[in-house]
């Protein structure tokens, strides 16, 4: 299980627990609804931030892999050119 899934699971569990706690609190309905709205907004913001962090992490990984592949292609092209030069020299 990846760390991202664990963190998202913990956040979802915390949000659910907070929501249930507010629902069962001994307060008037209007107070409870306001608390739910505030809490849900803060949880949504936290989830958005975590999602953006995951996207940034994946983007960084993709860029590194892309750079590595580009370097590898350049190395292969250099070796192909060296081999072709060696073949031309050997024919002469």
PDB file of N, CA and C in Angstrom:
ATOM      1  N   UNK A   1       0.854  -1.168   0.000  1.00  0.00           N
ATOM      2  CA  UNK A   1       0.000   0.000   0.000  1.00  0.00           C
ATOM      3  C   UNK A   1       0.904   1.237   0.000  1.00  0.00           C
ATOM      4  N   UNK A   2       0.615   2.160  -0.871  1.00  0.00           N
ATOM      5  CA  UNK A   2       1.464   3.335  -0.989  1.00  0.00           C
ATOM      6  C   UNK A   2       1.161   4.341   0.116  1.00  0.00           C
ATOM      7  N   UNK A   3       2.129   5.204   0.362  1.00  0.00           N
ATOM      8  CA  UNK A   3       1.982   6.217   1.408  1.00  0.00           C
ATOM      9  C   UNK A   3       0.841   7.171   1.088  1.00  0.00           C
ATOM     10  N   UNK A   4       0.645   7.479  -0.184  1.00  0.00           N
ATOM     11  CA  UNK A   4      -0.423   8.391  -0.566  1.00  0.00           C
ATOM     12  C   UNK A   4      -1.787   7.818  -0.192  1.00  0.00           C
ATOM     13  N   UNK A   5      -1.971   6.514  -0.418  1.00  0.00           N
ATOM     14  CA  UNK A   5      -3.245   5.881  -0.093  1.00  0.00           C
ATOM     15  C   UNK A   5      -3.477   5.872   1.409  1.00  0.00           C
ATOM     16  N   UNK A   6      -2.407   5.635   2.163  1.00  0.00           N
ATOM     17  CA  UNK A   6      -2.536   5.627   3.619  1.00  0.00           C
ATOM     18  C   UNK A   6      -2.940   7.014   4.115  1.00  0.00           C
ATOM     19  N   UNK A   7      -2.280   8.053   3.605  1.00  0.00           N
ATOM     20  CA  UNK A   7      -2.582   9.414   4.033  1.00  0.00           C
ATOM     21  C   UNK A   7      -4.016   9.783   3.659  1.00  0.00           C
ATOM     22  N   UNK A   8      -4.423   9.449   2.442  1.00  0.00           N
ATOM     23  CA  UNK A   8      -5.795   9.746   2.035  1.00  0.00           C
ATOM     24  C   UNK A   8      -6.804   8.988   2.879  1.00  0.00           C
ATOM     25  N   UNK A   9      -6.494   7.746   3.237  1.00  0.00           N
ATOM     26  CA  UNK A   9      -7.377   6.966   4.095  1.00  0.00           C
ATOM     27  C   UNK A   9      -7.502   7.578   5.486  1.00  0.00           C
ATOM     28  N   UNK A  10      -6.367   8.023   6.022  1.00  0.00           N
ATOM     29  CA  UNK A  10      -6.389   8.662   7.337  1.00  0.00           C
ATOM     30  C   UNK A  10      -7.202   9.950   7.294  1.00  0.00           C
ATOM     31  N   UNK A  11      -7.000  10.757   6.244  1.00  0.00           N
ATOM     32  CA  UNK A  11      -7.767  12.002   6.118  1.00  0.00           C
ATOM     33  C   UNK A  11      -9.259  11.723   5.982  1.00  0.00           C
ATOM     34  N   UNK A  12      -9.611  10.735   5.200  1.00  0.00           N
ATOM     35  CA  UNK A  12     -11.025  10.391   5.028  1.00  0.00           C
ATOM     36  C   UNK A  12     -11.618   9.900   6.352  1.00  0.00           C
ATOM     37  N   UNK A  13     -10.869   9.098   7.087  1.00  0.00           N
ATOM     38  CA  UNK A  13     -11.337   8.619   8.382  1.00  0.00           C
ATOM     39  C   UNK A  13     -11.508   9.755   9.381  1.00  0.00           C
ATOM     40  N   UNK A  14     -10.554  10.684   9.371  1.00  0.00           N
ATOM     41  CA  UNK A  14     -10.648  11.832  10.277  1.00  0.00           C
ATOM     42  C   UNK A  14     -11.853  12.694   9.934  1.00  0.00           C
ATOM     43  N   UNK A  15     -12.076  12.899   8.653  1.00  0.00           N
ATOM     44  CA  UNK A  15     -13.228  13.706   8.228  1.00  0.00           C
ATOM     45  C   UNK A  15     -14.534  13.030   8.629  1.00  0.00           C
ATOM     46  N   UNK A  16     -14.613  11.733   8.437  1.00  0.00           N
ATOM     47  CA  UNK A  16     -15.820  10.997   8.805  1.00  0.00           C
ATOM     48  C   UNK A  16     -16.041  11.049  10.311  1.00  0.00           C
ATOM     49  N   UNK A  17     -14.972  10.863  11.063  1.00  0.00           N
ATOM     50  CA  UNK A  17     -15.083  10.918  12.521  1.00  0.00           C
ATOM     51  C   UNK A  17     -15.519  12.288  13.011  1.00  0.00           C
ATOM     52  N   UNK A  18     -14.942  13.320  12.424  1.00  0.00           N
ATOM     53  CA  UNK A  18     -15.318  14.680  12.820  1.00  0.00           C
ATOM     54  C   UNK A  18     -16.780  14.955  12.485  1.00  0.00           C
ATOM     55  N   UNK A  19     -17.211  14.516  11.327  1.00  0.00           N
ATOM     56  CA  UNK A  19     -18.597  14.725  10.918  1.00  0.00           C
ATOM     57  C   UNK A  19     -19.557  13.995  11.855  1.00  0.00           C
ATOM     58  N   UNK A  20     -19.266  12.752  12.177  1.00  0.00           N
ATOM     59  CA  UNK A  20     -20.131  12.000  13.085  1.00  0.00           C
ATOM     60  C   UNK A  20     -20.130  12.615  14.485  1.00  0.00           C
ATOM     61  N   UNK A  21     -18.978  13.094  14.928  1.00  0.00           N
ATOM     62  CA  UNK A  21     -18.897  13.739  16.228  1.00  0.00           C
ATOM     63  C   UNK A  21     -19.758  14.980  16.296  1.00  0.00           C
ATOM     64  N   UNK A  22     -19.745  15.750  15.226  1.00  0.00           N
ATOM     65  CA  UNK A  22     -20.558  16.965  15.196  1.00  0.00           C
ATOM     66  C   UNK A  22     -22.038  16.612  15.116  1.00  0.00           C
ATOM     67  N   UNK A  23     -22.378  15.576  14.367  1.00  0.00           N
ATOM     68  CA  UNK A  23     -23.782  15.182  14.228  1.00  0.00           C
ATOM     69  C   UNK A  23     -24.382  14.715  15.553  1.00  0.00           C
ATOM     70  N   UNK A  24     -23.586  14.053  16.348  1.00  0.00           N
ATOM     71  CA  UNK A  24     -24.089  13.528  17.615  1.00  0.00           C
ATOM     72  C   UNK A  24     -23.855  14.479  18.790  1.00  0.00           C
ATOM     73  N   UNK A  25     -23.321  15.641  18.532  1.00  0.00           N
ATOM     74  CA  UNK A  25     -23.093  16.615  19.597  1.00  0.00           C
ATOM     75  C   UNK A  25     -24.433  17.187  20.067  1.00  0.00           C
ATOM     76  N   UNK A  26     -24.526  17.486  21.349  1.00  0.00           N
ATOM     77  CA  UNK A  26     -25.786  18.026  21.869  1.00  0.00           C
ATOM     78  C   UNK A  26     -25.905  19.529  21.625  1.00  0.00           C
ATOM     79  N   UNK A  27     -26.105  19.915  20.393  1.00  0.00           N
ATOM     80  CA  UNK A  27     -26.252  21.334  20.054  1.00  0.00           C
ATOM     81  C   UNK A  27     -27.491  21.488  19.181  1.00  0.00           C
ATOM     82  N   UNK A  28     -27.938  22.719  19.029  1.00  0.00           N
ATOM     83  CA  UNK A  28     -29.091  22.980  18.170  1.00  0.00           C
ATOM     84  C   UNK A  28     -28.736  22.661  16.722  1.00  0.00           C
ATOM     85  N   UNK A  29     -29.751  22.428  15.915  1.00  0.00           N
ATOM     86  CA  UNK A  29     -29.542  22.066  14.519  1.00  0.00           C
ATOM     87  C   UNK A  29     -28.811  23.125  13.730  1.00  0.00           C
ATOM     88  N   UNK A  30     -29.136  24.389  13.950  1.00  0.00           N
ATOM     89  CA  UNK A  30     -28.474  25.452  13.189  1.00  0.00           C
ATOM     90  C   UNK A  30     -26.989  25.528  13.543  1.00  0.00           C
ATOM     91  N   UNK A  31     -26.670  25.338  14.807  1.00  0.00           N
ATOM     92  CA  UNK A  31     -25.267  25.355  15.233  1.00  0.00           C
ATOM     93  C   UNK A  31     -24.538  24.160  14.626  1.00  0.00           C
ATOM     94  N   UNK A  32     -25.180  23.011  14.679  1.00  0.00           N
ATOM     95  CA  UNK A  32     -24.577  21.799  14.129  1.00  0.00           C
ATOM     96  C   UNK A  32     -24.339  21.943  12.628  1.00  0.00           C
ATOM     97  N   UNK A  33     -25.292  22.494  11.900  1.00  0.00           N
ATOM     98  CA  UNK A  33     -25.129  22.674  10.454  1.00  0.00           C
ATOM     99  C   UNK A  33     -23.969  23.617  10.141  1.00  0.00           C
ATOM    100  N   UNK A  34     -23.852  24.695  10.920  1.00  0.00           N
ATOM    101  CA  UNK A  34     -22.724  25.614  10.710  1.00  0.00           C
ATOM    102  C   UNK A  34     -21.392  24.920  10.969  1.00  0.00           C
ATOM    103  N   UNK A  35     -21.358  24.119  12.019  1.00  0.00           N
ATOM    104  CA  UNK A  35     -20.129  23.383  12.332  1.00  0.00           C
ATOM    105  C   UNK A  35     -19.780  22.404  11.214  1.00  0.00           C
ATOM    106  N   UNK A  36     -20.799  21.743  10.682  1.00  0.00           N
ATOM    107  CA  UNK A  36     -20.562  20.802   9.576  1.00  0.00           C
ATOM    108  C   UNK A  36     -20.021  21.542   8.358  1.00  0.00           C
ATOM    109  N   UNK A  37     -20.613  22.679   8.054  1.00  0.00           N
ATOM    110  CA  UNK A  37     -20.148  23.452   6.890  1.00  0.00           C
ATOM    111  C   UNK A  37     -18.701  23.888   7.062  1.00  0.00           C
ATOM    112  N   UNK A  38     -18.369  24.393   8.246  1.00  0.00           N
ATOM    113  CA  UNK A  38     -16.981  24.839   8.488  1.00  0.00           C
ATOM    114  C   UNK A  38     -16.013  23.670   8.404  1.00  0.00           C
ATOM    115  N   UNK A  39     -16.358  22.589   9.068  1.00  0.00           N
ATOM    116  CA  UNK A  39     -15.464  21.428   9.100  1.00  0.00           C
ATOM    117  C   UNK A  39     -15.300  20.826   7.709  1.00  0.00           C
ATOM    118  N   UNK A  40     -16.385  20.708   6.965  1.00  0.00           N
ATOM    119  CA  UNK A  40     -16.287  20.120   5.629  1.00  0.00           C
ATOM    120  C   UNK A  40     -15.455  21.009   4.710  1.00  0.00           C
ATOM    121  N   UNK A  41     -15.579  22.316   4.861  1.00  0.00           N
ATOM    122  CA  UNK A  41     -14.780  23.215   4.025  1.00  0.00           C
ATOM    123  C   UNK A  41     -13.301  23.058   4.330  1.00  0.00           C
ATOM    124  N   UNK A  42     -12.951  22.935   5.609  1.00  0.00           N
ATOM    125  CA  UNK A  42     -11.539  22.785   5.953  1.00  0.00           C
ATOM    126  C   UNK A  42     -11.008  21.423   5.494  1.00  0.00           C
ATOM    127  N   UNK A  43     -11.845  20.383   5.572  1.00  0.00           N
ATOM    128  CA  UNK A  43     -11.430  19.059   5.108  1.00  0.00           C
ATOM    129  C   UNK A  43     -11.248  19.045   3.588  1.00  0.00           C
ATOM    130  N   UNK A  44     -12.127  19.708   2.878  1.00  0.00           N
ATOM    131  CA  UNK A  44     -12.004  19.792   1.423  1.00  0.00           C
ATOM    132  C   UNK A  44     -10.709  20.513   1.055  1.00  0.00           C
ATOM    133  N   UNK A  45     -10.414  21.593   1.762  1.00  0.00           N
ATOM    134  CA  UNK A  45      -9.159  22.306   1.497  1.00  0.00           C
ATOM    135  C   UNK A  45      -7.954  21.419   1.758  1.00  0.00           C
ATOM    136  N   UNK A  46      -8.000  20.639   2.836  1.00  0.00           N
ATOM    137  CA  UNK A  46      -6.891  19.735   3.153  1.00  0.00           C
ATOM    138  C   UNK A  46      -6.737  18.664   2.073  1.00  0.00           C
ATOM    139  N   UNK A  47      -7.860  18.125   1.605  1.00  0.00           N
ATOM    140  CA  UNK A  47      -7.793  17.115   0.544  1.00  0.00           C
ATOM    141  C   UNK A  47      -7.278  17.703  -0.765  1.00  0.00           C
ATOM    142  N   UNK A  48      -7.697  18.930  -1.074  1.00  0.00           N
ATOM    143  CA  UNK A  48      -7.195  19.583  -2.286  1.00  0.00           C
ATOM    144  C   UNK A  48      -5.691  19.781  -2.206  1.00  0.00           C
ATOM    145  N   UNK A  49      -5.212  20.197  -1.024  1.00  0.00           N
ATOM    146  CA  UNK A  49      -3.773  20.409  -0.852  1.00  0.00           C
ATOM    147  C   UNK A  49      -3.015  19.097  -1.015  1.00  0.00           C
ATOM    148  N   UNK A  50      -3.528  18.015  -0.417  1.00  0.00           N
ATOM    149  CA  UNK A  50      -2.876  16.713  -0.544  1.00  0.00           C
ATOM    150  C   UNK A  50      -2.899  16.249  -1.996  1.00  0.00           C
ATOM    151  N   UNK A  51      -4.010  16.444  -2.682  1.00  0.00           N
ATOM    152  CA  UNK A  51      -4.106  16.069  -4.088  1.00  0.00           C
ATOM    153  C   UNK A  51      -3.079  16.831  -4.916  1.00  0.00           C
ATOM    154  N   UNK A  52      -2.952  18.134  -4.666  1.00  0.00           N
ATOM    155  CA  UNK A  52      -1.970  18.934  -5.396  1.00  0.00           C
ATOM    156  C   UNK A  52      -0.550  18.476  -5.103  1.00  0.00           C
ATOM    157  N   UNK A  53      -0.286  18.077  -3.849  1.00  0.00           N
ATOM    158  CA  UNK A  53       1.037  17.554  -3.506  1.00  0.00           C
ATOM    159  C   UNK A  53       1.330  16.268  -4.270  1.00  0.00           C
ATOM    160  N   UNK A  54       0.334  15.402  -4.370  1.00  0.00           N
ATOM    161  CA  UNK A  54       0.514  14.146  -5.103  1.00  0.00           C
ATOM    162  C   UNK A  54       0.750  14.426  -6.586  1.00  0.00           C
ATOM    163  N   UNK A  55      -0.006  15.341  -7.154  1.00  0.00           N
ATOM    164  CA  UNK A  55       0.166  15.694  -8.568  1.00  0.00           C
ATOM    165  C   UNK A  55       1.568  16.267  -8.799  1.00  0.00           C
ATOM    166  N   UNK A  56       2.022  17.139  -7.902  1.00  0.00           N
ATOM    167  CA  UNK A  56       3.368  17.706  -8.032  1.00  0.00           C
ATOM    168  C   UNK A  56       4.429  16.619  -7.951  1.00  0.00           C
ATOM    169  N   UNK A  57       4.243  15.677  -7.036  1.00  0.00           N
ATOM    170  CA  UNK A  57       5.189  14.578  -6.889  1.00  0.00           C
ATOM    171  C   UNK A  57       5.232  13.721  -8.163  1.00  0.00           C
ATOM    172  N   UNK A  58       4.064  13.408  -8.701  1.00  0.00           N
ATOM    173  CA  UNK A  58       4.018  12.618  -9.936  1.00  0.00           C
ATOM    174  C   UNK A  58       4.621  13.380 -11.113  1.00  0.00           C
ATOM    175  N   UNK A  59       4.391  14.679 -11.164  1.00  0.00           N
ATOM    176  CA  UNK A  59       4.966  15.493 -12.237  1.00  0.00           C
ATOM    177  C   UNK A  59       6.488  15.488 -12.153  1.00  0.00           C
ATOM    178  N   UNK A  60       7.021  15.630 -10.932  1.00  0.00           N
ATOM    179  CA  UNK A  60       8.472  15.595 -10.752  1.00  0.00           C
ATOM    180  C   UNK A  60       9.040  14.250 -11.173  1.00  0.00           C
ATOM    181  N   UNK A  61       8.380  13.171 -10.777  1.00  0.00           N
ATOM    182  CA  UNK A  61       8.856  11.836 -11.160  1.00  0.00           C
ATOM    183  C   UNK A  61       8.825  11.668 -12.676  1.00  0.00           C
ATOM    184  N   UNK A  62       7.751  12.127 -13.305  1.00  0.00           N
ATOM    185  CA  UNK A  62       7.639  12.017 -14.755  1.00  0.00           C
ATOM    186  C   UNK A  62       8.765  12.781 -15.440  1.00  0.00           C
ATOM    187  N   UNK A  63       9.045  13.988 -14.973  1.00  0.00           N
ATOM    188  CA  UNK A  63      10.115  14.791 -15.571  1.00  0.00           C
ATOM    189  C   UNK A  63      11.469  14.101 -15.418  1.00  0.00           C
ATOM    190  N   UNK A  64      11.724  13.498 -14.240  1.00  0.00           N
ATOM    191  CA  UNK A  64      12.998  12.796 -14.046  1.00  0.00           C
ATOM    192  C   UNK A  64      13.119  11.606 -14.988  1.00  0.00           C
ATOM    193  N   UNK A  65      12.042  10.839 -15.120  1.00  0.00           N
ATOM    194  CA  UNK A  65      12.066   9.678 -16.016  1.00  0.00           C
ATOM    195  C   UNK A  65      12.253  10.143 -17.454  1.00  0.00           C
ATOM    196  N   UNK A  66      11.570  11.216 -17.825  1.00  0.00           N
ATOM    197  CA  UNK A  66      11.706  11.750 -19.186  1.00  0.00           C
ATOM    198  C   UNK A  66      13.149  12.177 -19.454  1.00  0.00           C
ATOM    199  N   UNK A  67      13.760  12.851 -18.496  1.00  0.00           N
ATOM    200  CA  UNK A  67      15.158  13.261 -18.656  1.00  0.00           C
ATOM    201  C   UNK A  67      16.083  12.052 -18.755  1.00  0.00           C
ATOM    202  N   UNK A  68      15.836  11.025 -17.925  1.00  0.00           N
ATOM    203  CA  UNK A  68      16.655   9.821 -17.974  1.00  0.00           C
ATOM    204  C   UNK A  68      16.532   9.123 -19.329  1.00  0.00           C
ATOM    205  N   UNK A  69      15.318   9.044 -19.843  1.00  0.00           N
ATOM    206  CA  UNK A  69      15.102   8.402 -21.142  1.00  0.00           C
ATOM    207  C   UNK A  69      15.781   9.212 -22.248  1.00  0.00           C
ATOM    208  N   UNK A  70      15.686  10.522 -22.172  1.00  0.00           N
ATOM    209  CA  UNK A  70      16.334  11.376 -23.169  1.00  0.00           C
ATOM    210  C   UNK A  70      17.847  11.168 -23.145  1.00  0.00           C
ATOM    211  N   UNK A  71      18.421  11.111 -21.946  1.00  0.00           N
ATOM    212  CA  UNK A  71      19.859  10.862 -21.827  1.00  0.00           C
ATOM    213  C   UNK A  71      20.229   9.503 -22.401  1.00  0.00           C
ATOM    214  N   UNK A  72      19.407   8.499 -22.123  1.00  0.00           N
ATOM    215  CA  UNK A  72      19.674   7.157 -22.634  1.00  0.00           C
ATOM    216  C   UNK A  72      19.604   7.128 -24.158  1.00  0.00           C
ATOM    217  N   UNK A  73      18.629   7.799 -24.736  1.00  0.00           N
ATOM    218  CA  UNK A  73      18.508   7.856 -26.199  1.00  0.00           C
ATOM    219  C   UNK A  73      19.735   8.545 -26.799  1.00  0.00           C
ATOM    220  N   UNK A  74      20.182   9.625 -26.169  1.00  0.00           N
ATOM    221  CA  UNK A  74      21.382  10.318 -26.654  1.00  0.00           C
ATOM    222  C   UNK A  74      22.603   9.407 -26.597  1.00  0.00           C
ATOM    223  N   UNK A  75      22.741   8.633 -25.520  1.00  0.00           N
ATOM    224  CA  UNK A  75      23.865   7.701 -25.407  1.00  0.00           C
ATOM    225  C   UNK A  75      23.803   6.638 -26.499  1.00  0.00           C
ATOM    226  N   UNK A  76      22.614   6.107 -26.742  1.00  0.00           N
ATOM    227  CA  UNK A  76      22.460   5.077 -27.774  1.00  0.00           C
ATOM    228  C   UNK A  76      22.792   5.663 -29.147  1.00  0.00           C
ATOM    229  N   UNK A  77      22.326   6.864 -29.422  1.00  0.00           N
ATOM    230  CA  UNK A  77      22.632   7.501 -30.704  1.00  0.00           C
ATOM    231  C   UNK A  77      24.128   7.727 -30.858  1.00  0.00           C
ATOM    232  N   UNK A  78      24.814   8.132 -29.802  1.00  0.00           N
ATOM    233  CA  UNK A  78      26.259   8.314 -29.855  1.00  0.00           C
ATOM    234  C   UNK A  78      26.968   6.997 -30.146  1.00  0.00           C
ATOM    235  N   UNK A  79      26.523   5.922 -29.508  1.00  0.00           N
ATOM    236  CA  UNK A  79      27.147   4.614 -29.745  1.00  0.00           C
ATOM    237  C   UNK A  79      26.896   4.130 -31.169  1.00  0.00           C
ATOM    238  N   UNK A  80      25.704   4.403 -31.693  1.00  0.00           N
ATOM    239  CA  UNK A  80      25.400   4.016 -33.071  1.00  0.00           C
ATOM    240  C   UNK A  80      26.315   4.772 -34.028  1.00  0.00           C
ATOM    241  N   UNK A  81      26.505   6.060 -33.793  1.00  0.00           N
ATOM    242  CA  UNK A  81      27.392   6.852 -34.647  1.00  0.00           C
ATOM    243  C   UNK A  81      28.826   6.348 -34.556  1.00  0.00           C
ATOM    244  N   UNK A  82      29.285   5.999 -33.371  1.00  0.00           N
ATOM    245  CA  UNK A  82      30.639   5.471 -33.201  1.00  0.00           C
ATOM    246  C   UNK A  82      30.797   4.153 -33.946  1.00  0.00           C
ATOM    247  N   UNK A  83      29.768   3.308 -33.877  1.00  0.00           N
ATOM    248  CA  UNK A  83      29.814   2.018 -34.558  1.00  0.00           C
ATOM    249  C   UNK A  83      29.860   2.211 -36.067  1.00  0.00           C
ATOM    250  N   UNK A  84      29.081   3.136 -36.571  1.00  0.00           N
ATOM    251  CA  UNK A  84      29.085   3.401 -38.014  1.00  0.00           C
ATOM    252  C   UNK A  84      30.439   3.943 -38.455  1.00  0.00           C
ATOM    253  N   UNK A  85      31.030   4.810 -37.657  1.00  0.00           N
ATOM    254  CA  UNK A  85      32.358   5.337 -37.987  1.00  0.00           C
ATOM    255  C   UNK A  85      33.388   4.220 -37.985  1.00  0.00           C
ATOM    256  N   UNK A  86      33.280   3.326 -37.004  1.00  0.00           N
ATOM    257  CA  UNK A  86      34.221   2.205 -36.916  1.00  0.00           C
ATOM    258  C   UNK A  86      34.089   1.297 -38.131  1.00  0.00           C
ATOM    259  N   UNK A  87      32.867   1.073 -38.599  1.00  0.00           N
ATOM    260  CA  UNK A  87      32.640   0.225 -39.761  1.00  0.00           C
ATOM    261  C   UNK A  87      33.229   0.882 -41.006  1.00  0.00           C
ATOM    262  N   UNK A  88      33.066   2.207 -41.146  1.00  0.00           N
ATOM    263  CA  UNK A  88      33.623   2.911 -42.306  1.00  0.00           C
ATOM    264  C   UNK A  88      35.145   2.836 -42.310  1.00  0.00           C
ATOM    265  N   UNK A  89      35.738   3.008 -41.141  1.00  0.00           N
ATOM    266  CA  UNK A  89      37.205   2.946 -41.033  1.00  0.00           C
ATOM    267  C   UNK A  89      37.683   1.539 -41.337  1.00  0.00           C
ATOM    268  N   UNK A  90      36.981   0.534 -40.883  1.00  0.00           N
ATOM    269  CA  UNK A  90      37.372  -0.844 -41.120  1.00  0.00           C
ATOM    270  C   UNK A  90      37.282  -1.205 -42.594  1.00  0.00           C
ATOM    271  N   UNK A  91      36.351  -0.621 -43.345  1.00  0.00           N
ATOM    272  CA  UNK A  91      36.207  -0.899 -44.775  1.00  0.00           C
ATOM    273  C   UNK A  91      37.338  -0.290 -45.575  1.00  0.00           C
ATOM    274  N   UNK A  92      37.923   0.784 -45.055  1.00  0.00           N
ATOM    275  CA  UNK A  92      38.970   1.474 -45.827  1.00  0.00           C
ATOM    276  C   UNK A  92      40.227   0.746 -45.712  1.00  0.00           C
TER     277      UNK A  92
END
